Protein backbone atom coordinates (compact mmCIF):
# COMPACT_ATOMS: atom_id res chain seq x y z
CA UNK A 1 -6.48 15.40 7.66
CA UNK A 2 -5.49 12.78 5.08
CA UNK A 3 -7.00 13.65 1.76
CA UNK A 4 -5.44 10.75 -0.03
CA UNK A 5 -4.06 7.40 1.13
CA UNK A 6 -2.55 4.34 -0.54
CA UNK A 7 -3.35 0.72 0.47
CA UNK A 8 -0.44 -1.59 -0.03
CA UNK A 9 -0.92 -5.35 -0.51
CA UNK A 10 2.50 -7.08 0.10
CA UNK A 11 2.39 -10.39 -1.62
CA UNK A 12 4.93 -13.12 -2.19
CA UNK A 13 5.40 -12.34 -5.77
CA UNK A 14 4.19 -8.72 -6.14
CA UNK A 15 3.44 -5.52 -4.47
CA UNK A 16 0.01 -4.00 -5.26
CA UNK A 17 -1.09 -0.54 -4.46
CA UNK A 18 -4.33 1.50 -4.77
CA UNK A 19 -4.60 5.20 -4.04
CA UNK A 20 -7.95 6.55 -2.83
CA UNK A 21 -8.70 10.21 -2.40
CA UNK A 22 -11.47 11.79 -0.33
CA UNK A 23 -11.60 8.51 1.73
CA UNK A 24 -13.86 10.23 4.32
CA UNK A 25 -16.69 10.81 1.81
CA UNK A 26 -19.56 8.34 1.07
CA UNK A 27 -18.11 7.74 -2.41
CA UNK A 28 -14.23 8.11 -2.38
CA UNK A 29 -12.34 8.20 -5.62
CA UNK A 30 -10.02 5.43 -6.81
CA UNK A 31 -7.22 7.63 -8.22
CA UNK A 32 -4.80 5.02 -9.46
CA UNK A 33 -3.52 1.46 -9.12
CA UNK A 34 -0.43 -0.37 -10.07
CA UNK A 35 1.75 -3.40 -9.26
CA UNK A 36 5.38 -4.39 -9.48
CA UNK A 37 6.89 -7.91 -9.23
CA UNK A 38 9.08 -8.97 -6.35
CA UNK A 39 12.02 -11.29 -6.55
CA UNK A 40 11.80 -14.80 -5.07
CA UNK A 41 12.43 -14.82 -1.22
CA UNK A 42 11.87 -11.14 -0.59
CA UNK A 43 8.54 -11.85 1.09
CA UNK A 44 7.12 -15.11 2.64
CA UNK A 45 3.57 -15.61 3.76
CA UNK A 46 2.99 -11.81 3.88
CA UNK A 47 6.07 -11.02 5.92
CA UNK A 48 8.91 -8.98 4.56
CA UNK A 49 12.22 -10.97 4.74
CA UNK A 50 14.37 -8.60 2.77
CA UNK A 51 13.40 -4.99 3.77
CA UNK A 52 15.84 -3.23 1.40
CA UNK A 53 14.62 -5.22 -1.56
CA UNK A 54 11.04 -4.53 -0.81
CA UNK A 55 11.85 -0.86 -0.13
CA UNK A 56 13.47 -0.56 -3.57
CA UNK A 57 10.41 -2.24 -5.10
CA UNK A 58 8.17 0.22 -3.41
CA UNK A 59 10.21 3.13 -4.77
CA UNK A 60 9.73 1.68 -8.25
CA UNK A 61 6.02 1.18 -7.58
CA UNK A 62 5.61 4.89 -6.64
CA UNK A 63 7.65 6.07 -9.62
CA UNK A 64 6.03 3.97 -12.29
CA UNK A 65 2.48 4.04 -10.76
CA UNK A 66 2.49 7.77 -10.30
CA UNK A 67 1.21 7.55 -6.64
CA UNK A 68 1.01 11.06 -5.07
CA UNK A 69 0.27 10.35 -1.40
CA UNK A 70 3.08 8.93 0.88
CA UNK A 71 0.54 7.97 3.52
CA UNK A 72 -0.02 4.24 3.38
CA UNK A 73 -2.02 1.59 5.06
CA UNK A 74 -0.61 -1.89 5.37
CA UNK A 75 -2.45 -5.22 5.74
CA UNK A 76 -1.65 -8.25 7.86
CA UNK A 77 -3.31 -11.61 7.58
CA UNK A 78 -1.12 -14.64 7.90
CA UNK A 79 -0.39 -17.44 10.41
CA UNK A 80 1.08 -14.91 12.79
CA UNK A 81 -2.20 -13.14 13.16
CA UNK A 82 -5.04 -14.46 15.37
CA UNK A 83 -8.71 -13.61 15.22
CA UNK A 84 -11.07 -14.99 17.92
CA UNK A 85 -14.46 -14.47 19.39
CA UNK A 86 -14.30 -12.35 22.60
CA UNK A 87 -16.93 -10.95 24.96
CA UNK A 88 -15.94 -8.16 27.29
CA UNK A 89 -17.77 -6.04 29.96
CA UNK A 90 -19.44 -3.07 28.35
CA UNK A 91 -17.15 0.01 28.48
CA UNK A 92 -15.61 2.66 26.19
CA UNK A 93 -13.45 1.37 23.37
CA UNK A 94 -10.40 3.09 25.08
CA UNK A 95 -10.92 1.13 28.31
CA UNK A 96 -11.59 -2.17 26.49
CA UNK A 97 -8.34 -1.87 24.46
CA UNK A 98 -6.42 -0.92 27.64
CA UNK A 99 -7.76 -3.97 29.43
CA UNK A 100 -7.03 -6.52 26.60
CA UNK A 101 -3.44 -7.51 27.78
CA UNK A 102 -4.98 -8.57 31.14
CA UNK A 103 -7.80 -10.60 29.59
CA UNK A 104 -6.42 -12.48 26.64
CA UNK A 105 -2.99 -13.98 27.57
CA UNK A 106 -4.35 -17.53 27.67
CA UNK A 107 -5.69 -17.04 24.13
CA UNK A 108 -2.29 -16.05 22.64
CA UNK A 109 0.52 -18.27 21.29
CA UNK A 110 3.09 -15.63 22.40
CA UNK A 111 3.60 -13.42 25.53
CA UNK A 112 1.38 -10.30 25.59
CA UNK A 113 4.43 -8.11 25.34
CA UNK A 114 5.23 -9.60 21.97
CA UNK A 115 1.79 -9.05 20.46
CA UNK A 116 -0.14 -6.14 19.08
CA UNK A 117 -3.81 -6.29 20.30
CA UNK A 118 -7.10 -4.81 19.10
CA UNK A 119 -10.75 -5.43 19.55
CA UNK A 120 -13.46 -5.16 16.91
CA UNK A 121 -17.02 -4.83 18.37
CA UNK A 122 -19.90 -6.45 16.72
CA UNK A 123 -22.95 -6.52 19.09
CA UNK A 124 -24.09 -5.98 22.66
CA UNK A 125 -25.81 -8.50 24.95
CA UNK A 126 -26.65 -9.24 28.55
CA UNK A 127 -24.59 -11.75 30.62
CA UNK A 128 -24.95 -12.94 34.19
CA UNK A 129 -22.55 -10.18 35.25
CA UNK A 130 -24.13 -7.41 33.33
CA UNK A 131 -24.04 -5.80 29.83
CA UNK A 132 -21.24 -7.00 27.53
CA UNK A 133 -19.87 -6.29 24.11
CA UNK A 134 -19.34 -9.17 21.72
CA UNK A 135 -16.63 -8.91 19.17
CA UNK A 136 -13.38 -10.20 17.72
CA UNK A 137 -10.00 -10.13 19.36
CA UNK A 138 -7.30 -9.31 16.80
CA UNK A 139 -3.75 -10.26 17.84
CA UNK A 140 -0.63 -10.04 15.62
CA UNK A 141 2.91 -10.96 16.47
CA UNK A 142 4.66 -7.59 16.94
CA UNK A 143 7.86 -8.66 15.09
CA UNK A 144 5.99 -9.63 11.88
CA UNK A 145 4.20 -6.31 11.73
CA UNK A 146 7.21 -4.14 12.47
CA UNK A 147 9.26 -5.86 9.71
CA UNK A 148 6.74 -4.73 7.12
CA UNK A 149 6.51 -1.28 8.64
CA UNK A 150 10.29 -0.97 8.40
CA UNK A 151 10.39 -1.77 4.69
CA UNK A 152 7.75 0.95 4.02
CA UNK A 153 9.69 3.48 6.10
CA UNK A 154 12.91 2.64 4.19
CA UNK A 155 11.10 3.61 1.00
CA UNK A 156 10.34 7.08 2.44
CA UNK A 157 6.63 6.33 3.04
CA UNK A 158 4.56 6.98 6.12
CA UNK A 159 2.52 3.98 7.53
CA UNK A 160 -0.60 5.53 9.07
CA UNK A 161 -2.38 2.34 9.86
CA UNK A 162 -2.05 -1.49 9.90
CA UNK A 163 -5.39 -3.23 9.15
CA UNK A 164 -6.61 -6.93 8.98
CA UNK A 165 -6.65 -8.13 5.38
CA UNK A 166 -10.06 -10.02 5.85
CA UNK A 167 -11.55 -6.77 7.06
CA UNK A 168 -10.07 -4.96 4.08
CA UNK A 169 -11.69 -7.55 1.76
CA UNK A 170 -15.01 -7.23 3.40
CA UNK A 171 -14.86 -3.47 2.87
CA UNK A 172 -13.91 -3.66 -0.79
CA UNK A 173 -16.46 -6.34 -1.72
CA UNK A 174 -19.51 -5.08 0.15
CA UNK A 175 -21.54 -2.73 -2.07
CA UNK A 176 -23.29 -0.94 0.72
CA UNK A 177 -26.62 -2.76 0.40
CA UNK A 178 -28.24 -4.86 3.05
CA UNK A 179 -28.99 -8.40 1.97
CA UNK A 180 -30.49 -11.38 3.69
CA UNK A 181 -28.17 -13.92 5.28
CA UNK A 182 -24.43 -14.15 5.85
CA UNK A 183 -21.85 -13.85 3.13
CA UNK A 184 -18.64 -15.90 3.29
CA UNK A 185 -15.64 -14.15 1.70
CA UNK A 186 -12.80 -16.59 1.01
CA UNK A 187 -9.40 -15.31 -0.29
CA UNK A 188 -6.88 -17.98 -1.20
CA UNK A 189 -3.53 -16.42 -1.23
CA UNK A 190 -0.07 -17.85 -1.74
CA UNK A 191 0.57 -18.80 1.84
CA UNK A 192 -2.63 -18.04 3.72
CA UNK A 193 -6.36 -18.51 3.13
CA UNK A 194 -8.56 -16.01 4.95
CA UNK A 195 -12.23 -16.49 5.64
CA UNK A 196 -14.37 -13.62 6.81
CA UNK A 197 -18.24 -13.96 7.29
CA UNK A 198 -20.19 -10.82 7.11
CA UNK A 199 -23.77 -9.67 7.47
CA UNK A 200 -24.69 -6.49 5.49
CA UNK A 201 -20.95 -5.85 5.22
CA UNK A 202 -20.20 -6.08 8.91
CA UNK A 203 -17.56 -8.85 9.86
CA UNK A 204 -18.99 -11.43 12.28
CA UNK A 205 -16.35 -14.06 12.15
CA UNK A 206 -12.69 -14.42 10.95
CA UNK A 207 -10.43 -17.40 10.39
CA UNK A 208 -6.97 -17.44 8.83
CA UNK A 209 -5.82 -20.82 7.55
CA UNK A 210 -2.11 -21.20 7.01
CA UNK A 211 -2.38 -22.91 3.63
CA UNK A 212 -2.54 -21.44 0.12
CA UNK A 213 -1.57 -21.82 -3.54
CA UNK A 214 2.17 -22.03 -2.85
CA UNK A 215 1.64 -25.20 -0.73
CA UNK A 216 0.33 -26.93 -3.85
CA UNK A 217 3.23 -25.66 -5.92
CA UNK A 218 5.77 -27.02 -3.40
CA UNK A 219 3.96 -30.40 -3.15
CA UNK A 220 4.17 -30.75 -6.97
CA UNK A 221 7.90 -29.78 -6.92
CA UNK A 222 8.71 -32.27 -4.20
CA UNK A 223 6.56 -35.28 -5.28
CA UNK A 224 6.98 -34.97 -9.05
CA UNK A 225 10.61 -33.69 -9.11
CA UNK A 226 9.68 -30.68 -11.24
CA UNK A 227 10.82 -27.06 -10.97
CA UNK A 228 8.65 -24.17 -9.89
CA UNK A 229 7.79 -23.16 -13.46
CA UNK A 230 6.69 -26.68 -14.38
CA UNK A 231 4.67 -26.97 -11.24
CA UNK A 232 2.74 -23.71 -12.02
CA UNK A 233 2.17 -24.93 -15.58
CA UNK A 234 0.69 -28.19 -14.23
CA UNK A 235 -1.60 -26.24 -11.92
CA UNK A 236 -2.87 -24.24 -14.89
CA UNK A 237 -3.29 -27.13 -17.37
CA UNK A 238 -4.45 -29.91 -15.03
CA UNK A 239 -6.38 -28.37 -12.12
CA UNK A 240 -9.07 -30.33 -10.43
CA UNK A 241 -11.30 -31.01 -13.34
CA UNK A 242 -9.00 -32.63 -15.91
CA UNK A 243 -9.66 -36.15 -17.05
CA UNK A 244 -6.94 -38.67 -15.88
CA UNK A 245 -4.42 -39.79 -18.51
CA UNK A 246 -1.06 -41.67 -18.34
CA UNK A 247 0.68 -38.28 -18.62
CA UNK A 248 -1.21 -36.31 -15.91
CA UNK A 249 -2.32 -39.00 -13.45
CA UNK A 250 0.44 -38.27 -10.97
CA UNK A 251 -0.23 -34.54 -11.05
CA UNK A 252 -3.94 -35.03 -10.61
CA UNK A 253 -3.26 -37.20 -7.54
CA UNK A 254 -1.09 -34.53 -5.89
CA UNK A 255 -3.43 -31.64 -6.78
CA UNK A 256 -6.56 -33.43 -5.52
CA UNK A 257 -4.93 -34.53 -2.29
CA UNK A 258 -3.55 -31.14 -1.36
CA UNK A 259 -6.57 -29.24 -2.54
CA UNK A 260 -9.12 -31.42 -0.76
CA UNK A 261 -7.34 -30.69 2.57
CA UNK A 262 -7.92 -26.96 2.04
CA UNK A 263 -11.42 -27.45 0.82
CA UNK A 264 -12.20 -29.63 3.92
CA UNK A 265 -10.84 -26.85 6.17
CA UNK A 266 -13.04 -24.32 4.45
CA UNK A 267 -16.15 -26.49 4.74
CA UNK A 268 -15.43 -27.14 8.42
CA UNK A 269 -14.93 -23.37 9.08
CA UNK A 270 -18.30 -22.50 7.49
CA UNK A 271 -19.96 -25.34 9.37
CA UNK A 272 -18.50 -24.14 12.68
CA UNK A 273 -19.97 -20.74 12.11
CA UNK A 274 -23.43 -22.00 11.24
CA UNK A 275 -23.43 -24.48 14.16
CA UNK A 276 -22.60 -21.71 16.66
CA UNK A 277 -25.05 -19.13 15.14
CA UNK A 278 -28.32 -20.96 14.82
CA UNK A 279 -30.23 -17.82 13.93
CA UNK A 280 -27.98 -16.96 11.00
CA UNK A 281 -28.22 -18.44 7.46
CA UNK A 282 -25.24 -18.47 5.21
CA UNK A 283 -26.40 -17.83 1.58
CA UNK A 284 -23.27 -17.61 -0.59
CA UNK A 285 -19.56 -17.36 -0.96
CA UNK A 286 -17.48 -14.78 -2.79
CA UNK A 287 -14.23 -16.26 -3.84
CA UNK A 288 -11.01 -14.25 -4.43
CA UNK A 289 -7.14 -14.76 -4.51
CA UNK A 290 -4.66 -16.19 -6.98
CA UNK A 291 -4.97 -19.69 -5.40
CA UNK A 292 -8.66 -19.81 -6.18
CA UNK A 293 -8.02 -19.70 -9.92
CA UNK A 294 -7.03 -23.34 -9.92
CA UNK A 295 -9.29 -25.00 -12.50
CA UNK A 296 -12.37 -26.58 -10.86
CA UNK A 297 -11.61 -25.09 -7.43
CA UNK A 298 -14.74 -22.90 -7.28
CA UNK A 299 -16.97 -25.77 -8.44
CA UNK A 300 -15.42 -28.10 -5.86
CA UNK A 301 -15.91 -25.54 -3.16
CA UNK A 302 -19.55 -25.08 -3.99
CA UNK A 303 -20.17 -28.84 -4.06
CA UNK A 304 -18.50 -29.37 -0.69
CA UNK A 305 -20.19 -26.48 1.10
CA UNK A 306 -23.48 -26.68 -0.81
CA UNK A 307 -23.41 -22.91 -1.32
CA UNK A 308 -23.36 -20.61 -4.37
CA UNK A 309 -19.81 -19.55 -5.14
CA UNK A 310 -19.59 -16.14 -6.87
CA UNK A 311 -16.77 -14.03 -8.32
CA UNK A 312 -16.20 -10.62 -6.76
CA UNK A 313 -17.67 -7.50 -8.26
CA UNK A 314 -15.60 -4.29 -8.49
CA UNK A 315 -16.54 -2.28 -5.47
CA UNK A 316 -19.42 0.14 -6.07
CA UNK A 317 -18.29 2.05 -3.04
CA UNK A 318 -15.84 4.10 -5.10
CA UNK A 319 -15.88 6.19 -8.26
CA UNK A 320 -13.02 5.80 -10.75
CA UNK A 321 -10.83 8.87 -11.14
CA UNK A 322 -9.90 10.43 -14.38
CA UNK A 323 -7.36 8.31 -16.28
CA UNK A 324 -8.29 5.04 -14.44
CA UNK A 325 -8.94 2.35 -16.99
CA UNK A 326 -12.09 0.54 -15.97
CA UNK A 327 -11.51 -2.35 -18.32
CA UNK A 328 -7.98 -2.83 -17.13
CA UNK A 329 -9.18 -2.81 -13.51
CA UNK A 330 -11.83 -5.43 -14.30
CA UNK A 331 -9.27 -7.66 -16.07
CA UNK A 332 -7.20 -7.85 -12.85
CA UNK A 333 -9.94 -10.33 -11.66
CA UNK A 334 -9.99 -8.90 -8.06
CA UNK A 335 -6.16 -8.83 -7.62
CA UNK A 336 -6.33 -5.26 -6.13
CA UNK A 337 -9.26 -5.76 -3.78
CA UNK A 338 -7.06 -6.08 -0.69
CA UNK A 339 -5.13 -2.96 -1.54
CA UNK A 340 -8.45 -1.12 -2.22
CA UNK A 341 -10.01 -2.24 1.01
CA UNK A 342 -6.96 -1.18 2.96
CA UNK A 343 -7.26 2.31 1.49
CA UNK A 344 -10.94 2.57 2.08
CA UNK A 345 -10.46 1.78 5.79
CA UNK A 346 -8.56 4.92 6.42
CA UNK A 347 -10.95 7.78 7.23
CA UNK A 348 -9.87 11.28 6.52
């Protein structure tokens, strides 16, 4: 039995971790949270490129953050992870998982032997051939997952589970209540933007878009001949809502062009869901992720999708442990939601 577990969010620029105790209870305890910065190039789009560097950063994270448990849950959710609708004949989950390699080869960009497969059930229905289970196929390139696992093991930690980041976010954001309509949860990361649409906290649809805040940074660097620090400063000072001047016109052009592509992809994703689920109404968007902090992004997303865009609330599915600073957690503006959701997914 695992009394305490740590969710680890491996980002391009930082490692973030949240330790949850009594994860099997209705109200687990958030015991501690902390982050450490990563050097440039150690991680790219959620994949560990320098295992020893990341392992050393994890050792520092454990030392400085005071984490007690060495049991960890990792998240995956980049361009090397696929999530697709799938209907299978009704059977036990064990038999369904065993049959996946024989059913999904045509859906995968890599051979079945190079992928890790899982199935997330959503509902049951009747088909021409009998009862079936409707759900989501989750497939990840094995190499990408094992690289992250290796870094964790080098740090002396024990990976007990690998979870899909959109599922983790849905878990952390949902407050346990049942509300009308579907909720779109959008997380704009550095290299990947994830979309998960839930009803009463249950994921119905997942898409991973291989674009994020780093793509805008790189576009500014290349097209304006600035360095990374200057590009980040332009993102903060100009954003989408700045009034054009002679000094910022070029930056505004790049920011609007790149960001409009992502916004269009998000609108098309939401439209696809609503057009294929005629009995479901999407009511709102919860927006998270560092890339979403671009000035004017939330307003532009709301205008393009015609939906309310809300900031995340700290999960009410946990209680804060002694010594956890509630104000400090709130000031992170949702930066630890992925790590929290990963830890919450592990049942004792």
